[in-house]
Protein backbone atom coordinates (compact mmCIF):
# COMPACT_ATOMS: atom_id res chain seq x y z
CA MET A 1 42.60 -48.00 -149.04
CA LYS A 2 45.95 -46.90 -147.63
CA HIS A 3 48.89 -49.19 -148.31
CA PRO A 4 50.36 -50.59 -145.05
CA ASP A 5 53.64 -49.13 -143.86
CA SER A 6 56.79 -51.13 -144.63
CA LEU A 7 57.37 -51.64 -140.90
CA ILE A 8 53.95 -53.30 -140.58
CA ILE A 9 54.79 -55.65 -143.44
CA VAL A 10 58.18 -56.55 -141.99
CA GLY A 11 56.64 -56.99 -138.52
CA ALA A 12 54.06 -59.38 -139.98
CA VAL A 13 56.84 -61.32 -141.70
CA LEU A 14 58.67 -61.55 -138.36
CA ILE A 15 55.62 -63.10 -136.67
CA PHE A 16 55.04 -65.42 -139.63
CA ALA A 17 58.70 -66.49 -139.58
CA THR A 18 58.34 -67.40 -135.90
CA PHE A 19 55.38 -69.62 -136.77
CA LEU A 20 57.43 -71.27 -139.52
CA THR A 21 60.14 -72.33 -137.05
CA TRP A 22 57.55 -74.74 -135.61
CA ILE A 23 56.59 -76.40 -138.90
CA ILE A 24 59.56 -76.19 -141.32
CA PRO A 25 62.13 -78.95 -140.76
CA ALA A 26 65.37 -77.63 -139.32
CA GLY A 27 68.52 -77.89 -141.42
CA GLN A 28 71.90 -76.34 -141.85
CA PHE A 29 74.65 -75.74 -144.43
CA ASP A 30 78.32 -75.66 -143.63
CA ARG A 31 79.85 -72.22 -144.12
CA GLU A 32 83.26 -70.98 -145.13
CA VAL A 33 84.89 -67.56 -145.44
CA VAL A 34 85.98 -66.61 -148.96
CA ASP A 35 87.38 -63.13 -149.70
CA ASN A 36 86.21 -61.94 -146.25
CA ARG A 37 82.62 -63.07 -147.00
CA GLU A 38 80.83 -65.94 -145.30
CA ILE A 39 79.25 -68.19 -147.94
CA LEU A 40 77.32 -71.45 -147.89
CA VAL A 41 79.07 -74.66 -148.97
CA PRO A 42 76.97 -76.27 -151.75
CA GLY A 43 76.08 -79.91 -151.08
CA SER A 44 76.66 -79.63 -147.33
CA TYR A 45 72.99 -79.29 -146.26
CA ARG A 46 71.89 -81.69 -143.53
CA ALA A 47 68.94 -82.04 -141.15
CA VAL A 48 69.46 -80.89 -137.54
CA GLU A 49 67.39 -80.82 -134.35
CA GLN A 50 64.28 -78.60 -134.45
CA GLN A 51 64.66 -75.22 -132.71
CA PRO A 52 61.19 -73.59 -132.53
CA GLN A 53 61.16 -69.94 -131.43
CA GLY A 54 58.77 -68.39 -128.89
CA ILE A 55 57.17 -65.03 -128.07
CA SER A 56 60.16 -63.77 -126.10
CA VAL A 57 62.37 -64.28 -129.15
CA VAL A 58 59.95 -62.24 -131.28
CA LEU A 59 60.19 -59.33 -128.87
CA LEU A 60 63.97 -59.51 -128.72
CA ALA A 61 64.50 -59.98 -132.47
CA PRO A 62 64.30 -56.26 -133.43
CA VAL A 63 66.77 -55.40 -130.64
CA LYS A 64 69.20 -58.07 -131.80
CA GLY A 65 68.66 -56.92 -135.37
CA PHE A 66 69.42 -53.31 -134.44
CA ILE A 67 72.67 -54.36 -132.78
CA ALA A 68 73.71 -56.67 -135.63
CA ALA A 69 72.92 -54.07 -138.33
CA SER A 70 74.17 -51.06 -136.34
CA GLN A 71 76.83 -50.13 -138.91
CA ILE A 72 74.35 -50.02 -141.80
CA ILE A 73 71.75 -48.22 -139.67
CA ALA A 74 74.30 -45.56 -138.66
CA PHE A 75 75.18 -45.16 -142.34
CA VAL A 76 71.52 -44.61 -143.31
CA LEU A 77 70.81 -42.11 -140.52
CA ILE A 78 73.96 -40.04 -141.08
CA ILE A 79 73.57 -40.01 -144.87
CA GLY A 80 69.95 -38.88 -144.42
CA GLY A 81 71.09 -36.04 -142.17
CA ALA A 82 73.89 -34.98 -144.50
CA PHE A 83 71.62 -34.82 -147.54
CA ALA A 84 69.10 -32.78 -145.55
CA VAL A 85 71.80 -30.17 -144.88
CA VAL A 86 72.67 -30.01 -148.59
CA GLN A 87 68.98 -29.72 -149.53
CA LYS A 88 68.43 -26.97 -146.96
CA THR A 89 70.72 -24.68 -148.95
CA SER A 90 68.58 -25.18 -152.12
CA ALA A 91 71.82 -25.51 -154.10
CA ILE A 92 70.61 -28.46 -156.19
CA GLU A 93 67.26 -26.81 -156.92
CA ALA A 94 69.02 -23.57 -157.89
CA GLY A 95 71.39 -25.38 -160.23
CA LEU A 96 68.62 -27.23 -162.06
CA TYR A 97 66.34 -24.19 -162.22
CA ASN A 98 69.05 -22.03 -163.71
CA ILE A 99 69.80 -24.62 -166.38
CA ILE A 100 66.10 -24.53 -167.33
CA ARG A 101 66.05 -20.73 -167.33
CA ILE A 102 69.16 -20.45 -169.53
CA CYS A 103 67.72 -22.86 -172.07
CA LEU A 104 64.36 -21.07 -172.16
CA ASP A 105 66.18 -17.79 -172.81
CA ARG A 106 68.06 -19.35 -175.75
CA PRO A 107 65.66 -20.92 -178.28
CA SER A 108 68.54 -22.69 -180.04
CA TYR A 109 69.05 -24.82 -176.90
CA ARG A 110 65.47 -26.04 -176.74
CA LYS A 111 66.01 -29.14 -178.88
CA ILE A 112 68.57 -30.48 -176.42
CA LEU A 113 66.88 -29.17 -173.29
CA ILE A 114 64.67 -32.18 -172.52
CA PRO A 115 67.48 -34.76 -173.03
CA MET A 116 69.88 -32.63 -170.97
CA LEU A 117 67.39 -32.22 -168.12
CA MET A 118 66.60 -35.94 -168.16
CA VAL A 119 70.31 -36.78 -167.90
CA LEU A 120 70.61 -34.47 -164.89
CA PHE A 121 67.56 -35.91 -163.16
CA SER A 122 68.74 -39.43 -163.93
CA LEU A 123 72.14 -38.68 -162.40
CA ALA A 124 70.35 -37.36 -159.33
CA GLY A 125 68.50 -40.66 -158.98
CA ALA A 126 71.63 -42.70 -159.68
CA THR A 127 74.03 -40.90 -157.33
CA PHE A 128 72.21 -39.63 -154.26
CA GLY A 129 68.90 -41.45 -154.69
CA MET A 130 66.59 -38.56 -155.55
CA SER A 131 63.03 -39.84 -155.23
CA GLU A 132 60.50 -37.93 -153.15
CA GLU A 133 62.56 -34.75 -153.69
CA MET A 134 61.70 -34.98 -157.39
CA LEU A 135 58.16 -33.84 -156.52
CA LEU A 136 59.55 -30.33 -155.99
CA PHE A 137 60.68 -30.10 -159.59
CA ILE A 138 57.24 -30.96 -160.93
CA LEU A 139 56.46 -27.35 -159.94
CA ILE A 140 58.97 -26.25 -162.57
CA THR A 141 58.79 -28.84 -165.34
CA ILE A 142 55.02 -28.83 -165.94
CA PRO A 143 54.72 -25.08 -166.61
CA PHE A 144 58.05 -25.33 -168.45
CA ALA A 145 56.61 -28.04 -170.75
CA HIS A 146 53.48 -25.96 -171.32
CA ALA A 147 55.66 -22.97 -172.26
CA LEU A 148 57.32 -25.12 -174.92
CA GLY A 149 53.93 -26.29 -176.23
CA TYR A 150 54.00 -29.76 -174.66
CA ASN A 151 51.29 -31.37 -172.53
CA THR A 152 51.32 -32.25 -168.84
CA ILE A 153 52.56 -35.81 -169.38
CA VAL A 154 55.77 -34.48 -170.94
CA GLY A 155 56.18 -32.13 -167.97
CA VAL A 156 55.84 -35.04 -165.55
CA ALA A 157 57.97 -37.46 -167.57
CA ILE A 158 61.03 -35.19 -167.67
CA PRO A 159 61.84 -35.49 -163.94
CA PHE A 160 59.83 -38.60 -163.01
CA ILE A 161 60.86 -41.05 -165.74
CA ALA A 162 64.44 -39.78 -165.74
CA THR A 163 64.77 -40.07 -161.96
CA GLY A 164 63.19 -43.53 -162.08
CA ALA A 165 65.63 -44.70 -164.76
CA GLY A 166 68.53 -43.33 -162.72
CA PHE A 167 67.23 -44.95 -159.55
CA ALA A 168 66.98 -48.34 -161.28
CA GLY A 169 70.44 -47.97 -162.83
CA ALA A 170 71.93 -46.54 -159.65
CA LEU A 171 75.67 -45.97 -159.38
CA THR A 172 76.17 -44.68 -155.83
CA ASN A 173 72.66 -44.51 -154.37
CA PRO A 174 73.32 -44.94 -150.63
CA PHE A 175 69.74 -45.95 -149.86
CA THR A 176 69.64 -48.91 -152.27
CA ILE A 177 73.11 -49.86 -153.49
CA GLY A 178 74.77 -48.86 -150.21
CA ILE A 179 72.40 -50.89 -148.03
CA ALA A 180 72.23 -53.89 -150.39
CA GLN A 181 75.99 -54.15 -150.79
CA GLY A 182 76.48 -53.72 -147.06
CA ILE A 183 74.16 -56.64 -146.35
CA ALA A 184 75.78 -58.71 -149.11
CA GLU A 185 79.22 -58.02 -147.57
CA LEU A 186 80.48 -56.31 -150.72
CA PRO A 187 82.65 -53.17 -150.86
CA ILE A 188 80.24 -50.23 -150.86
CA PHE A 189 79.60 -48.86 -154.38
CA SER A 190 81.88 -51.45 -155.96
CA GLY A 191 81.08 -52.58 -159.48
CA TRP A 192 80.20 -49.06 -160.61
CA GLN A 193 81.82 -49.62 -164.01
CA TYR A 194 79.18 -52.08 -165.24
CA ARG A 195 76.46 -50.16 -163.43
CA LEU A 196 77.46 -47.17 -165.54
CA VAL A 197 76.58 -49.25 -168.62
CA VAL A 198 73.23 -50.16 -167.03
CA TRP A 199 72.52 -46.54 -166.14
CA ALA A 200 73.40 -45.31 -169.64
CA SER A 201 71.20 -47.98 -171.25
CA LEU A 202 68.14 -47.19 -169.16
CA THR A 203 68.60 -43.41 -169.34
CA THR A 204 69.05 -43.46 -173.12
CA THR A 205 65.94 -45.59 -173.51
CA ALA A 206 63.96 -43.19 -171.32
CA ILE A 207 65.11 -40.15 -173.30
CA ILE A 208 64.29 -41.73 -176.66
CA TYR A 209 60.84 -42.78 -175.44
CA VAL A 210 59.97 -39.35 -174.04
CA MET A 211 61.38 -37.49 -177.05
CA ARG A 212 59.47 -39.65 -179.54
CA TYR A 213 56.29 -38.88 -177.65
CA ALA A 214 57.17 -35.18 -177.32
CA ASN A 215 57.61 -34.95 -181.10
CA SER A 216 54.20 -36.52 -181.78
CA GLU A 217 50.92 -34.68 -182.23
CA GLN A 218 49.55 -36.36 -179.08
CA ALA A 219 52.03 -34.44 -176.94
CA ARG A 220 50.94 -31.02 -178.17
CA ILE A 221 49.29 -28.90 -175.53
CA ASP A 222 46.37 -28.13 -177.87
CA ASN A 223 45.45 -31.82 -178.07
CA ASP A 224 45.52 -32.53 -174.35
CA SER A 225 42.52 -32.14 -172.07
CA LEU A 226 44.88 -31.98 -169.08
CA SER A 227 46.79 -28.95 -170.30
CA PRO A 228 46.73 -26.26 -169.23
CA GLY A 229 43.34 -25.87 -167.60
CA SER A 230 43.22 -28.95 -165.40
CA SER A 231 46.81 -28.75 -164.19
CA SER A 232 47.13 -27.05 -160.84
CA PHE A 233 50.68 -26.01 -161.73
CA ALA A 234 49.62 -24.39 -164.98
CA LYS A 235 47.05 -22.34 -163.11
CA GLU A 236 49.54 -21.14 -160.53
CA PRO A 237 52.95 -20.78 -162.14
CA ALA A 238 53.83 -18.13 -159.58
CA THR A 239 54.15 -20.85 -156.94
CA VAL A 240 57.40 -21.99 -158.56
CA VAL A 241 60.29 -21.02 -156.30
CA GLN A 242 62.97 -19.47 -158.50
CA GLU A 243 66.18 -20.09 -156.57
CA PRO A 244 69.14 -17.88 -157.65
CA LEU A 245 72.43 -19.70 -158.17
CA THR A 246 74.54 -17.68 -155.75
CA SER A 247 78.28 -18.14 -155.37
CA ALA A 248 77.68 -20.03 -152.12
CA ARG A 249 75.26 -22.46 -153.79
CA ALA A 250 77.66 -22.94 -156.70
CA ALA A 251 80.42 -23.75 -154.20
CA ILE A 252 78.17 -26.28 -152.46
CA LEU A 253 77.49 -27.99 -155.80
CA VAL A 254 81.25 -28.21 -156.36
CA VAL A 255 81.72 -29.72 -152.88
CA PHE A 256 79.02 -32.28 -153.60
CA LEU A 257 80.58 -33.17 -156.97
CA VAL A 258 84.02 -33.56 -155.39
CA ALA A 259 82.48 -35.81 -152.72
CA VAL A 260 80.93 -38.07 -155.37
CA ILE A 261 84.27 -38.30 -157.18
CA LEU A 262 86.08 -39.12 -153.92
CA LEU A 263 83.43 -41.71 -153.14
CA ILE A 264 84.01 -43.49 -156.45
CA ILE A 265 87.82 -43.32 -156.15
CA GLY A 266 87.80 -44.34 -152.49
CA SER A 267 85.50 -47.34 -152.94
CA THR A 268 87.36 -48.47 -156.08
CA PHE A 269 91.02 -47.92 -155.20
CA TRP A 270 91.36 -47.14 -151.49
CA GLY A 271 89.21 -49.89 -150.01
CA TRP A 272 86.63 -47.55 -148.50
CA TYR A 273 83.70 -49.22 -146.81
CA ILE A 274 80.69 -47.99 -144.84
CA ASN A 275 82.68 -46.17 -142.16
CA GLU A 276 84.82 -44.14 -144.56
CA ILE A 277 81.89 -43.21 -146.82
CA THR A 278 79.80 -42.19 -143.83
CA GLY A 279 82.67 -40.02 -142.61
CA LEU A 280 82.94 -38.42 -146.06
CA PHE A 281 79.33 -37.28 -145.92
CA ILE A 282 79.71 -35.99 -142.39
CA GLY A 283 82.44 -33.80 -143.85
CA VAL A 284 80.13 -32.76 -146.72
CA ALA A 285 77.47 -31.73 -144.20
CA ILE A 286 79.93 -29.66 -142.16
CA VAL A 287 81.43 -27.87 -145.18
CA THR A 288 77.98 -27.28 -146.67
CA ALA A 289 76.69 -25.79 -143.42
CA ILE A 290 79.68 -23.42 -143.28
CA ILE A 291 79.44 -22.31 -146.91
CA GLY A 292 75.65 -21.99 -146.71
CA ARG A 293 75.90 -20.04 -143.44
CA LEU A 294 73.26 -22.18 -141.80
CA GLY A 295 74.58 -21.57 -138.31
CA ALA A 296 75.58 -24.34 -135.92
CA ASN A 297 72.22 -24.79 -134.18
CA ASN A 298 70.21 -24.60 -137.41
CA ALA A 299 72.55 -27.04 -139.17
CA ILE A 300 72.25 -29.54 -136.33
CA ALA A 301 68.46 -29.18 -136.32
CA VAL A 302 68.32 -29.78 -140.09
CA PHE A 303 70.70 -32.74 -139.79
CA MET A 304 68.57 -34.30 -137.06
CA GLU A 305 65.42 -33.73 -139.09
CA GLY A 306 66.98 -35.48 -142.09
CA ALA A 307 68.17 -38.37 -139.95
CA GLY A 308 64.69 -38.57 -138.44
CA ARG A 309 63.16 -39.01 -141.89
CA MET A 310 65.34 -42.10 -142.28
CA MET A 311 64.26 -43.61 -138.97
CA SER A 312 61.57 -45.67 -140.68
CA ALA A 313 64.17 -47.19 -143.00
CA ALA A 314 66.47 -47.81 -140.02
CA MET A 315 63.74 -49.65 -138.13
CA VAL A 316 62.87 -51.74 -141.19
CA ILE A 317 66.54 -52.73 -141.48
CA ALA A 318 66.59 -53.68 -137.77
CA PHE A 319 63.40 -55.73 -138.05
CA ALA A 320 64.60 -57.44 -141.24
CA LYS A 321 67.92 -58.32 -139.63
CA GLY A 322 65.95 -59.60 -136.65
CA ILE A 323 64.01 -61.91 -139.00
CA LEU A 324 67.29 -63.32 -140.30
CA ILE A 325 68.59 -63.87 -136.76
CA LEU A 326 65.32 -65.53 -135.70
CA THR A 327 65.20 -67.86 -138.70
CA SER A 328 68.90 -68.65 -138.29
CA ASP A 329 68.46 -69.48 -134.60
CA GLY A 330 65.38 -71.51 -135.54
CA LYS A 331 67.49 -73.43 -138.08
CA ILE A 332 65.01 -72.87 -140.94
CA ILE A 333 66.74 -70.24 -143.09
CA ASP A 334 69.06 -72.83 -144.61
CA THR A 335 66.11 -75.15 -145.22
CA ILE A 336 64.30 -72.36 -147.07
CA LEU A 337 67.40 -71.66 -149.17
CA TYR A 338 67.92 -75.36 -149.84
CA THR A 339 64.30 -75.80 -150.95
CA MET A 340 64.39 -72.76 -153.23
CA ALA A 341 67.64 -74.00 -154.76
CA GLN A 342 66.13 -77.45 -155.30
CA TRP A 343 63.19 -75.95 -157.21
CA ILE A 344 65.51 -74.68 -159.91
CA GLU A 345 68.28 -77.25 -159.50
CA GLY A 346 70.06 -77.89 -162.76
CA ALA A 347 68.94 -74.61 -164.31
CA HIS A 348 71.64 -72.47 -165.87
CA PRO A 349 72.68 -69.54 -163.65
CA VAL A 350 71.28 -67.17 -166.32
CA VAL A 351 67.84 -68.74 -165.88
CA SER A 352 68.21 -68.62 -162.09
CA ALA A 353 69.08 -64.92 -162.28
CA GLN A 354 66.00 -64.18 -164.40
CA LEU A 355 63.79 -65.99 -161.88
CA MET A 356 65.36 -63.97 -159.07
CA PHE A 357 64.59 -60.81 -161.07
CA PHE A 358 60.96 -61.89 -161.41
CA VAL A 359 60.68 -62.53 -157.65
CA GLN A 360 62.23 -59.12 -156.88
CA ASN A 361 59.65 -57.38 -159.09
CA VAL A 362 56.79 -59.16 -157.32
CA ILE A 363 58.15 -58.22 -153.89
CA ASN A 364 58.53 -54.62 -155.05
CA PHE A 365 54.76 -54.32 -155.49
CA PHE A 366 54.26 -54.98 -151.78
CA VAL A 367 57.44 -53.30 -150.48
CA PRO A 368 58.14 -50.34 -152.80
CA SER A 369 60.63 -48.80 -150.38
CA GLY A 370 64.14 -49.34 -151.78
CA SER A 371 65.88 -49.42 -148.41
CA GLY A 372 63.17 -51.59 -146.88
CA GLN A 373 63.24 -54.02 -149.78
CA ALA A 374 67.03 -54.27 -149.62
CA ALA A 375 66.87 -55.07 -145.92
CA LEU A 376 64.10 -57.62 -146.41
CA THR A 377 65.33 -59.49 -149.48
CA MET A 378 69.13 -59.30 -149.60
CA PRO A 379 69.69 -61.57 -146.56
CA ILE A 380 67.87 -64.30 -148.54
CA MET A 381 68.88 -63.46 -152.10
CA SER A 382 72.63 -63.19 -151.42
CA PRO A 383 73.16 -66.73 -150.11
CA LEU A 384 70.60 -68.07 -152.59
CA GLY A 385 72.67 -66.58 -155.38
CA ASP A 386 75.75 -68.30 -153.93
CA LEU A 387 73.97 -71.66 -154.25
CA LEU A 388 72.73 -70.96 -157.79
CA GLY A 389 75.99 -69.67 -159.23
CA VAL A 390 74.88 -66.01 -159.26
CA THR A 391 77.48 -63.70 -157.72
CA ARG A 392 76.51 -61.28 -154.97
CA GLN A 393 77.36 -58.30 -157.17
CA THR A 394 74.89 -59.61 -159.75
CA THR A 395 72.31 -60.24 -157.02
CA VAL A 396 72.57 -56.58 -155.98
CA LEU A 397 72.08 -55.55 -159.62
CA ILE A 398 68.98 -57.76 -159.81
CA PHE A 399 67.66 -56.11 -156.67
CA GLN A 400 68.19 -52.54 -157.88
CA LEU A 401 66.55 -53.24 -161.25
CA GLY A 402 63.62 -55.06 -159.66
CA ASP A 403 63.17 -52.25 -157.16
CA GLY A 404 63.53 -49.27 -159.48
CA ILE A 405 61.64 -50.07 -162.66
CA GLY A 406 58.26 -51.04 -161.22
CA ASN A 407 58.12 -47.94 -159.02
CA MET A 408 57.22 -45.85 -162.07
CA ILE A 409 53.89 -47.65 -162.50
CA ILE A 410 52.80 -49.58 -159.39
CA PRO A 411 49.92 -48.02 -157.41
CA THR A 412 51.57 -48.94 -154.10
CA SER A 413 54.36 -46.41 -154.71
CA GLY A 414 53.67 -43.23 -152.75
CA VAL A 415 55.88 -41.18 -155.09
CA THR A 416 54.04 -42.37 -158.21
CA MET A 417 50.61 -41.68 -156.80
CA GLY A 418 51.77 -38.35 -155.35
CA VAL A 419 53.11 -37.19 -158.72
CA LEU A 420 49.96 -38.20 -160.58
CA SER A 421 47.73 -36.60 -157.96
CA ALA A 422 49.66 -33.33 -158.05
CA ALA A 423 49.65 -33.23 -161.85
CA LYS A 424 45.98 -34.26 -162.06
CA ILE A 425 46.81 -37.19 -164.36
CA PRO A 426 44.40 -40.14 -164.00
CA TYR A 427 46.23 -43.34 -163.02
CA VAL A 428 44.69 -45.34 -165.89
CA ARG A 429 45.87 -42.76 -168.43
CA TRP A 430 49.37 -42.84 -166.97
CA VAL A 431 49.46 -46.65 -167.14
CA ARG A 432 48.47 -46.58 -170.81
CA TRP A 433 51.25 -44.12 -171.56
CA VAL A 434 54.07 -45.62 -169.48
CA ALA A 435 53.33 -49.38 -169.82
CA PRO A 436 55.24 -49.82 -173.12
CA LEU A 437 58.27 -48.12 -171.58
CA ILE A 438 58.11 -50.36 -168.48
CA ILE A 439 57.94 -53.46 -170.69
CA LEU A 440 60.93 -52.17 -172.64
CA PHE A 441 62.82 -51.49 -169.40
CA LEU A 442 62.10 -55.04 -168.18
CA MET A 443 63.33 -56.59 -171.43
CA ILE A 444 66.50 -54.48 -171.40
CA SER A 445 67.08 -55.36 -167.73
CA MET A 446 66.79 -59.08 -168.45
CA MET A 447 69.43 -58.71 -171.16
CA LEU A 448 71.69 -56.59 -168.93
CA ILE A 449 71.60 -59.27 -166.23
CA ILE A 450 73.07 -61.90 -168.58
CA PRO A 451 76.66 -60.57 -169.06
CA PRO A 452 77.50 -60.29 -165.32
CA VAL A 453 76.17 -63.84 -164.76
CA LEU A 454 78.34 -65.22 -167.56
CA MET A 455 81.47 -63.32 -166.51
CA HIS A 456 80.96 -64.07 -162.78
CA TRP A 457 80.96 -60.38 -161.94
CA GLN A 458 82.56 -59.69 -158.57
């Protein structure tokens, strides 16, 4: 059975929220602006007159949501287009492939090859949100693992587990951190210093887990029924596209690296927000198109195609913002927040944060899209965190961990099922192999959430 699209889920929530405006008692908190952010005033909740919403409001909600979230939507569409231009040049693929080739040609490098590749894939997930694109590298890493004497699971784990760890410990992922912080009214990509600790912790754990398995007898190709006969990639290694690292592609990689550095400096020291970061990546797209000699018309077509791939995320953001507007106009959003806060009233903020992490993991099963989940949950989680003593920066961290970790195992993730299908790895076998790592990731995440709660991370 096909999992319903994120837009269907958000649309259903919109209709359900309209129904709730007729039955949930209306209420409202006072609000105040602190550090340019509107927050709820604890203890100010009071009952107000009921404001039930009708069909016309449901139809207008996505339009109002699109207008209200226009800045974030523009950010998502333009970033999607810019990354498509970079990907069109195959510069990233060429860089990674050539690293693999160099290490295969030098046997002395083989011991550090898997950790080095996993760090690179993890950085890809942490910085520009590599996810579906990782499927391309399965074409390289499975035959590469077989050439080193490892089984198919090792070949899949190198890019998939590493990218997943990087995605969960994201530093500058525009499709999760960027959207979540924008909704939470935080400076985009702020707090990267502690996120670097989170990224390093998850990535190191992933590398140790994969390397321990790779060094075991179970990982040998001779002991694996999947390798090489049942792997479609092992049968057809010639399908691997061997991209040469030309001077133009090397220059594009330098441009991309400089952009990431400017992004970190700008968001940390120069007060950059969504507009400035979006402008930076427009510049990256233009320079990349010139260096890659894509041609004006071709570059525009690629940019539009990349932006088009993000249209689903943009619509989810609009619908989710529409839900918030509808529930705010219906005077029930504050009642929902007040009730949730009452359930765990008196609990230490550390406990509240752990419960929020649990809720985020449950939601991730049904909405595995990072951008969709950010749009759906952050409008609720941010003010809830304000009431519970959990800062918005910590709430974003809880979101990214809850979104990223489960995606490596849940059957509702299209990337997970696509990887396993392509590699011919049965889902049950994958679950048996990866479950201990997921449990370890969850335990580490729960511990990593504690320090920012205690130090009131801003």
